[in-house]
PDB file of N, CA and C in Angstrom:
ATOM      1  N   UNK A   1       0.687  -1.087  -0.095  1.00  0.00           N
ATOM      2  CA  UNK A   1      -0.061   0.038   0.024  1.00  0.00           C
ATOM      3  C   UNK A   1       0.721   1.410  -0.006  1.00  0.00           C
ATOM      4  N   UNK A   2       0.752   1.951  -1.107  1.00  0.00           N
ATOM      5  CA  UNK A   2       1.394   3.260  -0.922  1.00  0.00           C
ATOM      6  C   UNK A   2       1.293   4.186   0.216  1.00  0.00           C
ATOM      7  N   UNK A   3       2.615   4.790   0.647  1.00  0.00           N
ATOM      8  CA  UNK A   3       2.339   5.661   1.755  1.00  0.00           C
ATOM      9  C   UNK A   3       1.404   7.022   1.439  1.00  0.00           C
ATOM     10  N   UNK A   4       0.465   7.278   2.703  1.00  0.00           N
ATOM     11  CA  UNK A   4      -0.025   8.625   2.413  1.00  0.00           C
ATOM     12  C   UNK A   4      -0.001   9.413   3.562  1.00  0.00           C
ATOM     13  N   UNK A   5       0.675  10.295   3.600  1.00  0.00           N
ATOM     14  CA  UNK A   5       1.092  11.004   4.773  1.00  0.00           C
ATOM     15  C   UNK A   5      -0.109  11.436   5.946  1.00  0.00           C
ATOM     16  N   UNK A   6      -1.293  11.831   5.245  1.00  0.00           N
ATOM     17  CA  UNK A   6      -2.512  12.357   5.736  1.00  0.00           C
ATOM     18  C   UNK A   6      -3.621  11.305   5.906  1.00  0.00           C
ATOM     19  N   UNK A   7      -3.516  10.110   6.598  1.00  0.00           N
ATOM     20  CA  UNK A   7      -4.598   9.041   6.273  1.00  0.00           C
ATOM     21  C   UNK A   7      -5.253   8.919   7.646  1.00  0.00           C
ATOM     22  N   UNK A   8      -6.921   9.163   7.546  1.00  0.00           N
ATOM     23  CA  UNK A   8      -7.813   9.230   8.701  1.00  0.00           C
ATOM     24  C   UNK A   8      -8.891   8.261   8.351  1.00  0.00           C
ATOM     25  N   UNK A   9      -9.115   7.465   9.346  1.00  0.00           N
ATOM     26  CA  UNK A   9      -9.972   6.387   9.291  1.00  0.00           C
ATOM     27  C   UNK A   9     -10.779   6.519  10.571  1.00  0.00           C
ATOM     28  N   UNK A  10     -12.231   6.601  10.493  1.00  0.00           N
ATOM     29  CA  UNK A  10     -13.197   6.757  11.569  1.00  0.00           C
ATOM     30  C   UNK A  10     -13.881   5.441  11.246  1.00  0.00           C
ATOM     31  N   UNK A  11     -13.949   4.396  12.350  1.00  0.00           N
ATOM     32  CA  UNK A  11     -14.992   3.229  12.357  1.00  0.00           C
ATOM     33  C   UNK A  11     -15.741   3.091  13.596  1.00  0.00           C
ATOM     34  N   UNK A  12     -16.811   2.482  13.417  1.00  0.00           N
ATOM     35  CA  UNK A  12     -17.577   2.004  14.335  1.00  0.00           C
ATOM     36  C   UNK A  12     -18.214   0.742  14.143  1.00  0.00           C
ATOM     37  N   UNK A  13     -18.042  -0.098  15.729  1.00  0.00           N
ATOM     38  CA  UNK A  13     -18.566  -1.298  15.561  1.00  0.00           C
ATOM     39  C   UNK A  13     -19.663  -1.188  16.661  1.00  0.00           C
ATOM     40  N   UNK A  14     -20.436  -1.821  16.369  1.00  0.00           N
ATOM     41  CA  UNK A  14     -22.064  -1.918  17.028  1.00  0.00           C
ATOM     42  C   UNK A  14     -22.341  -3.357  17.466  1.00  0.00           C
ATOM     43  N   UNK A  15     -22.397  -3.624  18.639  1.00  0.00           N
ATOM     44  CA  UNK A  15     -22.983  -5.305  18.932  1.00  0.00           C
ATOM     45  C   UNK A  15     -24.082  -4.893  19.834  1.00  0.00           C
ATOM     46  N   UNK A  16     -25.066  -5.729  19.311  1.00  0.00           N
ATOM     47  CA  UNK A  16     -26.334  -6.019  19.993  1.00  0.00           C
ATOM     48  C   UNK A  16     -25.958  -6.923  21.236  1.00  0.00           C
ATOM     49  N   UNK A  17     -26.117  -6.541  22.204  1.00  0.00           N
ATOM     50  CA  UNK A  17     -25.968  -7.548  23.520  1.00  0.00           C
ATOM     51  C   UNK A  17     -27.442  -8.178  23.738  1.00  0.00           C
ATOM     52  N   UNK A  18     -27.428  -9.185  24.778  1.00  0.00           N
ATOM     53  CA  UNK A  18     -28.692  -9.789  25.249  1.00  0.00           C
ATOM     54  C   UNK A  18     -29.426  -8.703  25.976  1.00  0.00           C
ATOM     55  N   UNK A  19     -28.659  -7.916  26.805  1.00  0.00           N
ATOM     56  CA  UNK A  19     -29.490  -6.894  27.793  1.00  0.00           C
ATOM     57  C   UNK A  19     -28.249  -5.760  27.939  1.00  0.00           C
ATOM     58  N   UNK A  20     -28.707  -4.825  28.712  1.00  0.00           N
ATOM     59  CA  UNK A  20     -28.045  -3.528  28.999  1.00  0.00           C
ATOM     60  C   UNK A  20     -26.947  -4.146  30.134  1.00  0.00           C
ATOM     61  N   UNK A  21     -26.965  -5.255  30.793  1.00  0.00           N
ATOM     62  CA  UNK A  21     -26.185  -5.730  32.055  1.00  0.00           C
ATOM     63  C   UNK A  21     -25.114  -6.160  31.175  1.00  0.00           C
ATOM     64  N   UNK A  22     -25.249  -6.995  30.072  1.00  0.00           N
ATOM     65  CA  UNK A  22     -24.274  -7.496  29.311  1.00  0.00           C
ATOM     66  C   UNK A  22     -23.415  -6.399  28.710  1.00  0.00           C
ATOM     67  N   UNK A  23     -24.146  -5.370  28.087  1.00  0.00           N
ATOM     68  CA  UNK A  23     -23.224  -4.552  27.328  1.00  0.00           C
ATOM     69  C   UNK A  23     -22.347  -3.652  28.645  1.00  0.00           C
ATOM     70  N   UNK A  24     -22.846  -3.519  29.558  1.00  0.00           N
ATOM     71  CA  UNK A  24     -22.025  -2.838  30.645  1.00  0.00           C
ATOM     72  C   UNK A  24     -21.048  -3.612  30.976  1.00  0.00           C
ATOM     73  N   UNK A  25     -21.405  -5.110  31.137  1.00  0.00           N
ATOM     74  CA  UNK A  25     -20.030  -5.662  31.383  1.00  0.00           C
ATOM     75  C   UNK A  25     -19.008  -5.793  30.609  1.00  0.00           C
ATOM     76  N   UNK A  26     -19.585  -5.520  29.209  1.00  0.00           N
ATOM     77  CA  UNK A  26     -18.413  -5.464  28.194  1.00  0.00           C
ATOM     78  C   UNK A  26     -17.432  -4.434  28.283  1.00  0.00           C
ATOM     79  N   UNK A  27     -18.496  -3.402  28.491  1.00  0.00           N
ATOM     80  CA  UNK A  27     -17.668  -1.896  28.579  1.00  0.00           C
ATOM     81  C   UNK A  27     -16.668  -2.058  29.756  1.00  0.00           C
ATOM     82  N   UNK A  28     -17.075  -2.556  30.673  1.00  0.00           N
ATOM     83  CA  UNK A  28     -16.199  -2.574  32.022  1.00  0.00           C
ATOM     84  C   UNK A  28     -14.983  -3.253  31.798  1.00  0.00           C
ATOM     85  N   UNK A  29     -15.254  -4.705  31.069  1.00  0.00           N
ATOM     86  CA  UNK A  29     -13.819  -5.442  30.784  1.00  0.00           C
ATOM     87  C   UNK A  29     -13.074  -4.704  29.903  1.00  0.00           C
ATOM     88  N   UNK A  30     -13.513  -4.069  29.057  1.00  0.00           N
ATOM     89  CA  UNK A  30     -12.628  -3.600  28.011  1.00  0.00           C
ATOM     90  C   UNK A  30     -12.358  -2.361  28.397  1.00  0.00           C
ATOM     91  N   UNK A  31     -12.799  -1.678  29.099  1.00  0.00           N
ATOM     92  CA  UNK A  31     -11.962  -0.666  29.305  1.00  0.00           C
ATOM     93  C   UNK A  31     -10.643  -0.224  30.293  1.00  0.00           C
ATOM     94  N   UNK A  32     -10.738  -1.575  30.783  1.00  0.00           N
ATOM     95  CA  UNK A  32      -9.141  -1.679  31.766  1.00  0.00           C
ATOM     96  C   UNK A  32      -8.215  -2.250  30.465  1.00  0.00           C
ATOM     97  N   UNK A  33      -8.678  -2.780  29.296  1.00  0.00           N
ATOM     98  CA  UNK A  33      -7.807  -3.389  28.530  1.00  0.00           C
ATOM     99  C   UNK A  33      -7.098  -2.798  27.440  1.00  0.00           C
ATOM    100  N   UNK A  34      -7.681  -1.585  27.396  1.00  0.00           N
ATOM    101  CA  UNK A  34      -7.339  -0.716  26.234  1.00  0.00           C
ATOM    102  C   UNK A  34      -6.566   0.614  26.935  1.00  0.00           C
ATOM    103  N   UNK A  35      -5.595   0.811  27.492  1.00  0.00           N
ATOM    104  CA  UNK A  35      -4.994   1.846  28.128  1.00  0.00           C
ATOM    105  C   UNK A  35      -3.707   2.324  27.452  1.00  0.00           C
ATOM    106  N   UNK A  36      -2.931   1.729  26.882  1.00  0.00           N
ATOM    107  CA  UNK A  36      -1.824   1.951  26.240  1.00  0.00           C
ATOM    108  C   UNK A  36      -1.605   2.185  24.569  1.00  0.00           C
ATOM    109  N   UNK A  37      -2.717   2.703  24.160  1.00  0.00           N
ATOM    110  CA  UNK A  37      -2.639   2.705  22.809  1.00  0.00           C
ATOM    111  C   UNK A  37      -1.634   3.717  22.180  1.00  0.00           C
ATOM    112  N   UNK A  38      -1.200   3.668  20.899  1.00  0.00           N
ATOM    113  CA  UNK A  38      -0.199   4.323  19.926  1.00  0.00           C
ATOM    114  C   UNK A  38      -1.047   5.840  19.967  1.00  0.00           C
ATOM    115  N   UNK A  39      -0.143   6.932  19.920  1.00  0.00           N
ATOM    116  CA  UNK A  39      -0.849   8.148  19.807  1.00  0.00           C
ATOM    117  C   UNK A  39      -1.780   8.434  18.665  1.00  0.00           C
ATOM    118  N   UNK A  40      -1.628   7.701  17.628  1.00  0.00           N
ATOM    119  CA  UNK A  40      -2.311   7.984  16.359  1.00  0.00           C
ATOM    120  C   UNK A  40      -3.421   7.146  16.451  1.00  0.00           C
ATOM    121  N   UNK A  41      -3.773   6.288  17.492  1.00  0.00           N
ATOM    122  CA  UNK A  41      -5.069   5.536  17.461  1.00  0.00           C
ATOM    123  C   UNK A  41      -5.904   6.051  18.746  1.00  0.00           C
ATOM    124  N   UNK A  42      -7.258   6.230  18.341  1.00  0.00           N
ATOM    125  CA  UNK A  42      -8.244   6.920  19.257  1.00  0.00           C
ATOM    126  C   UNK A  42      -9.375   5.585  19.595  1.00  0.00           C
ATOM    127  N   UNK A  43      -9.595   5.711  20.766  1.00  0.00           N
ATOM    128  CA  UNK A  43     -10.588   4.516  20.951  1.00  0.00           C
ATOM    129  C   UNK A  43     -11.509   5.182  22.118  1.00  0.00           C
ATOM    130  N   UNK A  44     -12.791   5.186  21.832  1.00  0.00           N
ATOM    131  CA  UNK A  44     -13.882   5.261  22.717  1.00  0.00           C
ATOM    132  C   UNK A  44     -15.171   4.296  22.653  1.00  0.00           C
ATOM    133  N   UNK A  45     -15.786   4.028  23.747  1.00  0.00           N
ATOM    134  CA  UNK A  45     -16.360   2.666  24.065  1.00  0.00           C
ATOM    135  C   UNK A  45     -17.451   3.224  24.989  1.00  0.00           C
ATOM    136  N   UNK A  46     -18.670   2.866  24.405  1.00  0.00           N
ATOM    137  CA  UNK A  46     -19.996   3.244  25.323  1.00  0.00           C
ATOM    138  C   UNK A  46     -21.294   2.270  24.925  1.00  0.00           C
ATOM    139  N   UNK A  47     -22.180   2.602  25.916  1.00  0.00           N
ATOM    140  CA  UNK A  47     -23.298   1.617  25.400  1.00  0.00           C
ATOM    141  C   UNK A  47     -24.367   2.512  25.666  1.00  0.00           C
ATOM    142  N   UNK A  48     -25.280   2.141  24.540  1.00  0.00           N
ATOM    143  CA  UNK A  48     -26.862   2.838  24.564  1.00  0.00           C
ATOM    144  C   UNK A  48     -27.820   1.698  24.328  1.00  0.00           C
ATOM    145  N   UNK A  49     -28.662   1.974  25.376  1.00  0.00           N
ATOM    146  CA  UNK A  49     -29.664   0.473  25.729  1.00  0.00           C
ATOM    147  C   UNK A  49     -28.667  -0.645  25.877  1.00  0.00           C
ATOM    148  N   UNK A  50     -29.108  -1.838  24.501  1.00  0.00           N
ATOM    149  CA  UNK A  50     -28.364  -2.957  25.040  1.00  0.00           C
ATOM    150  C   UNK A  50     -27.296  -3.222  23.998  1.00  0.00           C
ATOM    151  N   UNK A  51     -27.014  -2.033  23.544  1.00  0.00           N
ATOM    152  CA  UNK A  51     -25.660  -1.881  22.261  1.00  0.00           C
ATOM    153  C   UNK A  51     -24.419  -1.416  22.856  1.00  0.00           C
ATOM    154  N   UNK A  52     -23.608  -2.239  22.619  1.00  0.00           N
ATOM    155  CA  UNK A  52     -22.405  -2.029  22.913  1.00  0.00           C
ATOM    156  C   UNK A  52     -21.604  -1.070  21.678  1.00  0.00           C
ATOM    157  N   UNK A  53     -20.906  -0.066  21.862  1.00  0.00           N
ATOM    158  CA  UNK A  53     -20.325   0.663  20.941  1.00  0.00           C
ATOM    159  C   UNK A  53     -18.737   1.038  20.821  1.00  0.00           C
ATOM    160  N   UNK A  54     -18.012   0.806  19.986  1.00  0.00           N
ATOM    161  CA  UNK A  54     -16.908   0.697  19.919  1.00  0.00           C
ATOM    162  C   UNK A  54     -16.627   1.834  18.695  1.00  0.00           C
ATOM    163  N   UNK A  55     -16.075   2.942  19.286  1.00  0.00           N
ATOM    164  CA  UNK A  55     -15.756   3.923  17.818  1.00  0.00           C
ATOM    165  C   UNK A  55     -13.877   4.025  17.959  1.00  0.00           C
ATOM    166  N   UNK A  56     -13.320   3.872  16.682  1.00  0.00           N
ATOM    167  CA  UNK A  56     -11.936   3.569  16.616  1.00  0.00           C
ATOM    168  C   UNK A  56     -11.709   4.820  15.551  1.00  0.00           C
ATOM    169  N   UNK A  57     -10.612   5.655  15.777  1.00  0.00           N
ATOM    170  CA  UNK A  57     -10.138   6.575  14.958  1.00  0.00           C
ATOM    171  C   UNK A  57      -8.559   6.436  14.578  1.00  0.00           C
ATOM    172  N   UNK A  58      -8.100   6.362  13.433  1.00  0.00           N
ATOM    173  CA  UNK A  58      -6.605   6.255  12.748  1.00  0.00           C
ATOM    174  C   UNK A  58      -6.176   7.594  12.412  1.00  0.00           C
ATOM    175  N   UNK A  59      -5.098   8.183  12.779  1.00  0.00           N
ATOM    176  CA  UNK A  59      -4.776   9.306  12.288  1.00  0.00           C
ATOM    177  C   UNK A  59      -3.433   9.279  11.935  1.00  0.00           C
ATOM    178  N   UNK A  60      -3.082   9.484  10.733  1.00  0.00           N
ATOM    179  CA  UNK A  60      -1.694   9.493  10.773  1.00  0.00           C
ATOM    180  C   UNK A  60      -1.256  10.698   9.837  1.00  0.00           C
ATOM    181  N   UNK A  61      -0.689  11.470  10.455  1.00  0.00           N
ATOM    182  CA  UNK A  61      -0.417  13.076  10.038  1.00  0.00           C
ATOM    183  C   UNK A  61       1.037  13.144  10.389  1.00  0.00           C
ATOM    184  N   UNK A  62       1.943  12.907   9.166  1.00  0.00           N
ATOM    185  CA  UNK A  62       3.537  13.516   9.517  1.00  0.00           C
ATOM    186  C   UNK A  62       3.915  12.583  10.576  1.00  0.00           C
ATOM    187  N   UNK A  63       3.666  11.505  11.034  1.00  0.00           N
ATOM    188  CA  UNK A  63       4.028  10.948  11.930  1.00  0.00           C
ATOM    189  C   UNK A  63       5.317  10.100  11.550  1.00  0.00           C
ATOM    190  N   UNK A  64       6.535  10.735  12.273  1.00  0.00           N
ATOM    191  CA  UNK A  64       7.670   9.962  11.821  1.00  0.00           C
ATOM    192  C   UNK A  64       7.753   8.399  12.019  1.00  0.00           C
ATOM    193  N   UNK A  65       7.388   7.965  13.249  1.00  0.00           N
ATOM    194  CA  UNK A  65       7.429   6.772  13.542  1.00  0.00           C
ATOM    195  C   UNK A  65       6.755   5.932  12.621  1.00  0.00           C
ATOM    196  N   UNK A  66       7.022   4.649  11.974  1.00  0.00           N
ATOM    197  CA  UNK A  66       6.692   3.772  11.202  1.00  0.00           C
ATOM    198  C   UNK A  66       5.437   3.051  11.574  1.00  0.00           C
ATOM    199  N   UNK A  67       4.283   3.205  11.165  1.00  0.00           N
ATOM    200  CA  UNK A  67       3.190   2.605  11.405  1.00  0.00           C
ATOM    201  C   UNK A  67       2.265   2.489  10.040  1.00  0.00           C
ATOM    202  N   UNK A  68       0.876   1.868   9.988  1.00  0.00           N
ATOM    203  CA  UNK A  68       0.369   1.496   8.706  1.00  0.00           C
ATOM    204  C   UNK A  68      -1.023   1.394   9.525  1.00  0.00           C
ATOM    205  N   UNK A  69      -1.809   1.016   8.432  1.00  0.00           N
ATOM    206  CA  UNK A  69      -3.190   0.701   8.548  1.00  0.00           C
ATOM    207  C   UNK A  69      -3.489  -0.348   9.334  1.00  0.00           C
ATOM    208  N   UNK A  70      -2.473  -1.585   9.158  1.00  0.00           N
ATOM    209  CA  UNK A  70      -2.654  -2.664   9.703  1.00  0.00           C
ATOM    210  C   UNK A  70      -2.746  -2.392  11.050  1.00  0.00           C
ATOM    211  N   UNK A  71      -2.248  -1.537  11.739  1.00  0.00           N
ATOM    212  CA  UNK A  71      -2.521  -1.181  13.011  1.00  0.00           C
ATOM    213  C   UNK A  71      -3.876  -1.261  13.873  1.00  0.00           C
ATOM    214  N   UNK A  72      -4.850  -0.350  12.769  1.00  0.00           N
ATOM    215  CA  UNK A  72      -6.276  -0.458  13.244  1.00  0.00           C
ATOM    216  C   UNK A  72      -6.656  -1.436  12.971  1.00  0.00           C
ATOM    217  N   UNK A  73      -6.761  -2.462  11.899  1.00  0.00           N
ATOM    218  CA  UNK A  73      -6.860  -3.684  11.511  1.00  0.00           C
ATOM    219  C   UNK A  73      -6.611  -4.542  12.842  1.00  0.00           C
ATOM    220  N   UNK A  74      -5.669  -4.761  13.179  1.00  0.00           N
ATOM    221  CA  UNK A  74      -5.275  -5.296  14.432  1.00  0.00           C
ATOM    222  C   UNK A  74      -5.651  -5.150  15.660  1.00  0.00           C
ATOM    223  N   UNK A  75      -6.076  -3.985  15.805  1.00  0.00           N
ATOM    224  CA  UNK A  75      -6.410  -3.512  17.028  1.00  0.00           C
ATOM    225  C   UNK A  75      -8.011  -3.855  17.250  1.00  0.00           C
ATOM    226  N   UNK A  76      -8.814  -3.756  15.956  1.00  0.00           N
ATOM    227  CA  UNK A  76     -10.381  -4.248  15.965  1.00  0.00           C
ATOM    228  C   UNK A  76     -10.387  -5.744  15.966  1.00  0.00           C
ATOM    229  N   UNK A  77      -9.392  -6.175  15.550  1.00  0.00           N
ATOM    230  CA  UNK A  77      -9.183  -7.792  15.675  1.00  0.00           C
ATOM    231  C   UNK A  77      -9.084  -8.019  17.040  1.00  0.00           C
ATOM    232  N   UNK A  78      -8.193  -7.534  17.698  1.00  0.00           N
ATOM    233  CA  UNK A  78      -7.924  -8.042  19.042  1.00  0.00           C
ATOM    234  C   UNK A  78      -8.975  -7.773  20.000  1.00  0.00           C
ATOM    235  N   UNK A  79      -9.630  -6.437  19.908  1.00  0.00           N
ATOM    236  CA  UNK A  79     -10.922  -6.017  20.443  1.00  0.00           C
ATOM    237  C   UNK A  79     -11.945  -7.075  20.532  1.00  0.00           C
ATOM    238  N   UNK A  80     -12.206  -7.647  19.243  1.00  0.00           N
ATOM    239  CA  UNK A  80     -13.284  -8.396  18.832  1.00  0.00           C
ATOM    240  C   UNK A  80     -12.716  -9.818  19.612  1.00  0.00           C
ATOM    241  N   UNK A  81     -11.734 -10.093  19.638  1.00  0.00           N
ATOM    242  CA  UNK A  81     -11.401 -11.505  20.269  1.00  0.00           C
ATOM    243  C   UNK A  81     -11.943 -11.434  21.624  1.00  0.00           C
ATOM    244  N   UNK A  82     -11.325 -10.289  22.295  1.00  0.00           N
ATOM    245  CA  UNK A  82     -11.633  -9.937  23.779  1.00  0.00           C
ATOM    246  C   UNK A  82     -13.049 -10.118  24.069  1.00  0.00           C
ATOM    247  N   UNK A  83     -13.931  -9.483  22.953  1.00  0.00           N
ATOM    248  CA  UNK A  83     -15.294  -9.376  23.177  1.00  0.00           C
ATOM    249  C   UNK A  83     -15.778 -10.908  23.229  1.00  0.00           C
ATOM    250  N   UNK A  84     -15.216 -11.605  22.403  1.00  0.00           N
ATOM    251  CA  UNK A  84     -15.883 -13.033  22.303  1.00  0.00           C
ATOM    252  C   UNK A  84     -15.281 -14.014  23.430  1.00  0.00           C
ATOM    253  N   UNK A  85     -14.317 -13.807  23.999  1.00  0.00           N
ATOM    254  CA  UNK A  85     -14.036 -14.247  25.249  1.00  0.00           C
ATOM    255  C   UNK A  85     -14.960 -13.964  26.452  1.00  0.00           C
ATOM    256  N   UNK A  86     -15.268 -12.469  26.265  1.00  0.00           N
ATOM    257  CA  UNK A  86     -15.908 -12.030  27.583  1.00  0.00           C
ATOM    258  C   UNK A  86     -17.187 -12.545  27.576  1.00  0.00           C
ATOM    259  N   UNK A  87     -17.938 -12.435  26.319  1.00  0.00           N
ATOM    260  CA  UNK A  87     -19.172 -13.080  26.220  1.00  0.00           C
ATOM    261  C   UNK A  87     -19.477 -14.443  26.601  1.00  0.00           C
ATOM    262  N   UNK A  88     -18.498 -15.297  26.270  1.00  0.00           N
ATOM    263  CA  UNK A  88     -18.129 -16.636  26.686  1.00  0.00           C
ATOM    264  C   UNK A  88     -18.235 -16.752  28.153  1.00  0.00           C
ATOM    265  N   UNK A  89     -17.488 -15.943  28.867  1.00  0.00           N
ATOM    266  CA  UNK A  89     -17.370 -16.064  30.251  1.00  0.00           C
ATOM    267  C   UNK A  89     -18.748 -15.607  30.965  1.00  0.00           C
ATOM    268  N   UNK A  90     -19.464 -14.647  30.451  1.00  0.00           N
ATOM    269  CA  UNK A  90     -20.647 -14.061  30.826  1.00  0.00           C
ATOM    270  C   UNK A  90     -21.775 -15.107  30.443  1.00  0.00           C
ATOM    271  N   UNK A  91     -21.687 -15.824  29.534  1.00  0.00           N
ATOM    272  CA  UNK A  91     -22.817 -16.686  29.265  1.00  0.00           C
ATOM    273  C   UNK A  91     -22.368 -18.105  30.040  1.00  0.00           C
ATOM    274  N   UNK A  92     -21.414 -18.349  30.590  1.00  0.00           N
ATOM    275  CA  UNK A  92     -20.988 -19.420  31.409  1.00  0.00           C
ATOM    276  C   UNK A  92     -21.294 -19.169  32.941  1.00  0.00           C
ATOM    277  N   UNK A  93     -21.206 -17.972  33.311  1.00  0.00           N
ATOM    278  CA  UNK A  93     -21.863 -17.484  34.770  1.00  0.00           C
ATOM    279  C   UNK A  93     -23.071 -17.814  35.024  1.00  0.00           C
TER     280      UNK A  93
END
């Protein structure tokens, strides 16, 4: 992929949960997990009724450190893995 000095991507993932309690548990579980993100990644998580919402922002503006869009993709993949694991734990409780 060619380098783009000013690349910005905003993405939102919405997960419908069984109820607000499950959505709250996901938020609580993942909030502690995502505290050391690179400066070019932004992450916001919240809930609306029984929907767990993840907003991710990738912004590369004249960053000297090597990085690429794969960081965003890998972060989404990791978050989805954590959600699957947390849902399995919640379901078995």
